[in-house]
Amino acid sequence: MSVTWLDGLAGWGLVDWGLPGWNLPGWPMVAVLAAHFAMGTGLGACYFGGLWWNACLFASGARLVLAIGLIMGRFALLASFLTLASLEGALPLLLMALGVVMVRPLVMRRVKATAR
């Protein structure tokens, strides 16, 4: 039997988190963690895209109630998904948060290009 880097994850406690259904072999665990990262990037794109929309609403001065509602909705969406990821363990939470943070410069660069 060959030893791979995935076998080392079990030694660090990353494969068996003690939760029902999380005692997965290496490759499905990598797929689950990649899905958390992908979900984080999608969540970050929605969050920071909504930030641009909020800025436009505040700058126009109209629909302030809608702008404030969107702020609360963005925070609630981000908090709920990160809370759900935290229930699955530290690594899924960190990967989802990393996805949110990594997509920010891309969204802001796109917004800057459209603002010109």
C-alpha atoms as a PDB file:
ATOM      1  CA  MET A   1       0.000   0.000   0.000  1.00  0.00           C
ATOM      2  CA  SER A   2       1.424   3.370  -0.993  1.00  0.00           C
ATOM      3  CA  VAL A   3       1.334   6.381   1.276  1.00  0.00           C
ATOM      4  CA  THR A   4       0.216   9.657  -0.275  1.00  0.00           C
ATOM      5  CA  TRP A   5      -0.180  13.192   1.023  1.00  0.00           C
ATOM      6  CA  LEU A   6      -3.881  12.455   1.517  1.00  0.00           C
ATOM      7  CA  ASP A   7      -2.963   9.794   4.050  1.00  0.00           C
ATOM      8  CA  GLY A   8      -1.098  12.491   5.954  1.00  0.00           C
ATOM      9  CA  LEU A   9      -4.334  14.466   6.320  1.00  0.00           C
ATOM     10  CA  ALA A  10      -5.709  11.739   8.563  1.00  0.00           C
ATOM     11  CA  GLY A  11      -2.726  12.214  10.855  1.00  0.00           C
ATOM     12  CA  TRP A  12      -3.541  15.910  11.166  1.00  0.00           C
ATOM     13  CA  GLY A  13      -7.187  15.172  11.896  1.00  0.00           C
ATOM     14  CA  LEU A  14      -8.372  16.706   8.636  1.00  0.00           C
ATOM     15  CA  VAL A  15     -10.074  13.642   7.208  1.00  0.00           C
ATOM     16  CA  ASP A  16     -11.920  12.375  10.270  1.00  0.00           C
ATOM     17  CA  TRP A  17     -13.590  15.358  11.932  1.00  0.00           C
ATOM     18  CA  GLY A  18     -15.768  13.231  14.162  1.00  0.00           C
ATOM     19  CA  LEU A  19     -18.961  14.376  12.451  1.00  0.00           C
ATOM     20  CA  PRO A  20     -21.450  11.908  10.969  1.00  0.00           C
ATOM     21  CA  GLY A  21     -20.842  11.480   7.274  1.00  0.00           C
ATOM     22  CA  TRP A  22     -17.403  13.139   7.312  1.00  0.00           C
ATOM     23  CA  ASN A  23     -15.323   9.979   7.588  1.00  0.00           C
ATOM     24  CA  LEU A  24     -14.438  10.142   3.921  1.00  0.00           C
ATOM     25  CA  PRO A  25     -11.435   8.771   2.106  1.00  0.00           C
ATOM     26  CA  GLY A  26      -8.961  11.296   0.749  1.00  0.00           C
ATOM     27  CA  TRP A  27     -10.245  12.164  -2.718  1.00  0.00           C
ATOM     28  CA  PRO A  28     -13.906  12.860  -1.767  1.00  0.00           C
ATOM     29  CA  MET A  29     -12.637  15.057   1.064  1.00  0.00           C
ATOM     30  CA  VAL A  30     -10.564  17.066  -1.401  1.00  0.00           C
ATOM     31  CA  ALA A  31     -13.672  17.460  -3.583  1.00  0.00           C
ATOM     32  CA  VAL A  32     -15.709  18.666  -0.604  1.00  0.00           C
ATOM     33  CA  LEU A  33     -13.023  21.173   0.368  1.00  0.00           C
ATOM     34  CA  ALA A  34     -12.779  22.389  -3.236  1.00  0.00           C
ATOM     35  CA  ALA A  35     -16.553  22.864  -3.215  1.00  0.00           C
ATOM     36  CA  HIS A  36     -16.260  25.022  -0.085  1.00  0.00           C
ATOM     37  CA  PHE A  37     -13.632  27.168  -1.788  1.00  0.00           C
ATOM     38  CA  ALA A  38     -15.781  27.471  -4.929  1.00  0.00           C
ATOM     39  CA  MET A  39     -18.806  28.394  -2.829  1.00  0.00           C
ATOM     40  CA  GLY A  40     -16.696  31.042  -1.109  1.00  0.00           C
ATOM     41  CA  THR A  41     -15.673  32.581  -4.426  1.00  0.00           C
ATOM     42  CA  GLY A  42     -19.296  32.697  -5.572  1.00  0.00           C
ATOM     43  CA  LEU A  43     -20.375  34.158  -2.266  1.00  0.00           C
ATOM     44  CA  GLY A  44     -17.612  36.753  -2.434  1.00  0.00           C
ATOM     45  CA  ALA A  45     -18.581  37.722  -5.986  1.00  0.00           C
ATOM     46  CA  CYS A  46     -22.192  38.230  -4.868  1.00  0.00           C
ATOM     47  CA  TYR A  47     -21.139  40.117  -1.751  1.00  0.00           C
ATOM     48  CA  PHE A  48     -18.734  42.534  -3.416  1.00  0.00           C
ATOM     49  CA  GLY A  49     -20.941  42.918  -6.481  1.00  0.00           C
ATOM     50  CA  GLY A  50     -23.735  43.909  -4.120  1.00  0.00           C
ATOM     51  CA  LEU A  51     -21.387  46.378  -2.488  1.00  0.00           C
ATOM     52  CA  TRP A  52     -21.041  48.185  -5.823  1.00  0.00           C
ATOM     53  CA  TRP A  53     -24.804  48.230  -6.232  1.00  0.00           C
ATOM     54  CA  ASN A  54     -25.169  49.666  -2.722  1.00  0.00           C
ATOM     55  CA  ALA A  55     -22.623  52.378  -3.471  1.00  0.00           C
ATOM     56  CA  CYS A  56     -24.582  53.369  -6.575  1.00  0.00           C
ATOM     57  CA  LEU A  57     -27.830  53.508  -4.597  1.00  0.00           C
ATOM     58  CA  PHE A  58     -26.280  55.664  -1.876  1.00  0.00           C
ATOM     59  CA  ALA A  59     -24.645  57.956  -4.436  1.00  0.00           C
ATOM     60  CA  SER A  60     -27.934  58.522  -6.237  1.00  0.00           C
ATOM     61  CA  GLY A  61     -29.641  59.494  -2.975  1.00  0.00           C
ATOM     62  CA  ALA A  62     -32.809  57.654  -3.942  1.00  0.00           C
ATOM     63  CA  ARG A  63     -34.114  54.427  -2.458  1.00  0.00           C
ATOM     64  CA  LEU A  64     -32.176  54.644   0.792  1.00  0.00           C
ATOM     65  CA  VAL A  65     -34.443  52.080   2.431  1.00  0.00           C
ATOM     66  CA  LEU A  66     -33.605  49.632  -0.355  1.00  0.00           C
ATOM     67  CA  ALA A  67     -29.885  50.332   0.049  1.00  0.00           C
ATOM     68  CA  ILE A  68     -30.013  49.712   3.796  1.00  0.00           C
ATOM     69  CA  GLY A  69     -32.014  46.533   3.225  1.00  0.00           C
ATOM     70  CA  LEU A  70     -29.399  45.314   0.753  1.00  0.00           C
ATOM     71  CA  ILE A  71     -26.635  45.956   3.272  1.00  0.00           C
ATOM     72  CA  MET A  72     -28.424  43.858   5.871  1.00  0.00           C
ATOM     73  CA  GLY A  73     -29.141  41.163   3.288  1.00  0.00           C
ATOM     74  CA  ARG A  74     -25.493  40.995   2.207  1.00  0.00           C
ATOM     75  CA  PHE A  75     -24.294  40.673   5.785  1.00  0.00           C
ATOM     76  CA  ALA A  76     -26.935  38.061   6.593  1.00  0.00           C
ATOM     77  CA  LEU A  77     -26.069  36.007   3.510  1.00  0.00           C
ATOM     78  CA  LEU A  78     -22.350  36.094   4.238  1.00  0.00           C
ATOM     79  CA  ALA A  79     -22.837  35.332   7.931  1.00  0.00           C
ATOM     80  CA  SER A  80     -25.223  32.443   7.295  1.00  0.00           C
ATOM     81  CA  PHE A  81     -22.983  30.680   4.782  1.00  0.00           C
ATOM     82  CA  LEU A  82     -19.868  31.146   6.894  1.00  0.00           C
ATOM     83  CA  THR A  83     -21.763  29.886   9.948  1.00  0.00           C
ATOM     84  CA  LEU A  84     -22.856  26.780   8.063  1.00  0.00           C
ATOM     85  CA  ALA A  85     -19.275  26.196   6.941  1.00  0.00           C
ATOM     86  CA  SER A  86     -18.056  26.590  10.535  1.00  0.00           C
ATOM     87  CA  LEU A  87     -20.393  23.796  11.622  1.00  0.00           C
ATOM     88  CA  GLU A  88     -18.494  21.500   9.275  1.00  0.00           C
ATOM     89  CA  GLY A  89     -15.112  22.326  10.768  1.00  0.00           C
ATOM     90  CA  ALA A  90     -12.280  24.796  10.681  1.00  0.00           C
ATOM     91  CA  LEU A  91     -10.862  23.823   7.302  1.00  0.00           C
ATOM     92  CA  PRO A  92     -14.136  24.281   5.356  1.00  0.00           C
ATOM     93  CA  LEU A  93     -14.651  27.634   7.085  1.00  0.00           C
ATOM     94  CA  LEU A  94     -11.142  28.799   6.265  1.00  0.00           C
ATOM     95  CA  LEU A  95     -11.404  27.711   2.634  1.00  0.00           C
ATOM     96  CA  MET A  96     -14.750  29.437   2.192  1.00  0.00           C
ATOM     97  CA  ALA A  97     -13.415  32.630   3.781  1.00  0.00           C
ATOM     98  CA  LEU A  98     -10.319  32.390   1.585  1.00  0.00           C
ATOM     99  CA  GLY A  99     -12.562  32.177  -1.477  1.00  0.00           C
ATOM    100  CA  VAL A 100     -14.447  35.293  -0.373  1.00  0.00           C
ATOM    101  CA  VAL A 101     -11.235  37.235   0.181  1.00  0.00           C
ATOM    102  CA  MET A 102      -9.509  36.051  -2.993  1.00  0.00           C
ATOM    103  CA  VAL A 103     -12.345  37.091  -5.301  1.00  0.00           C
ATOM    104  CA  ARG A 104     -12.499  40.632  -3.911  1.00  0.00           C
ATOM    105  CA  PRO A 105      -9.685  42.127  -6.054  1.00  0.00           C
ATOM    106  CA  LEU A 106     -11.187  40.574  -9.182  1.00  0.00           C
ATOM    107  CA  VAL A 107     -14.631  42.025  -8.529  1.00  0.00           C
ATOM    108  CA  MET A 108     -13.236  45.422  -7.566  1.00  0.00           C
ATOM    109  CA  ARG A 109     -11.089  45.515 -10.713  1.00  0.00           C
ATOM    110  CA  ARG A 110     -14.172  44.751 -12.814  1.00  0.00           C
ATOM    111  CA  VAL A 111     -16.190  47.393 -11.007  1.00  0.00           C
ATOM    112  CA  LYS A 112     -13.416  49.938 -11.517  1.00  0.00           C
ATOM    113  CA  ALA A 113     -13.419  49.193 -15.257  1.00  0.00           C
ATOM    114  CA  THR A 114     -17.188  49.677 -15.513  1.00  0.00           C
ATOM    115  CA  ALA A 115     -17.120  52.876 -13.442  1.00  0.00           C
ATOM    116  CA  ARG A 116     -14.922  54.694 -15.963  1.00  0.00           C
END
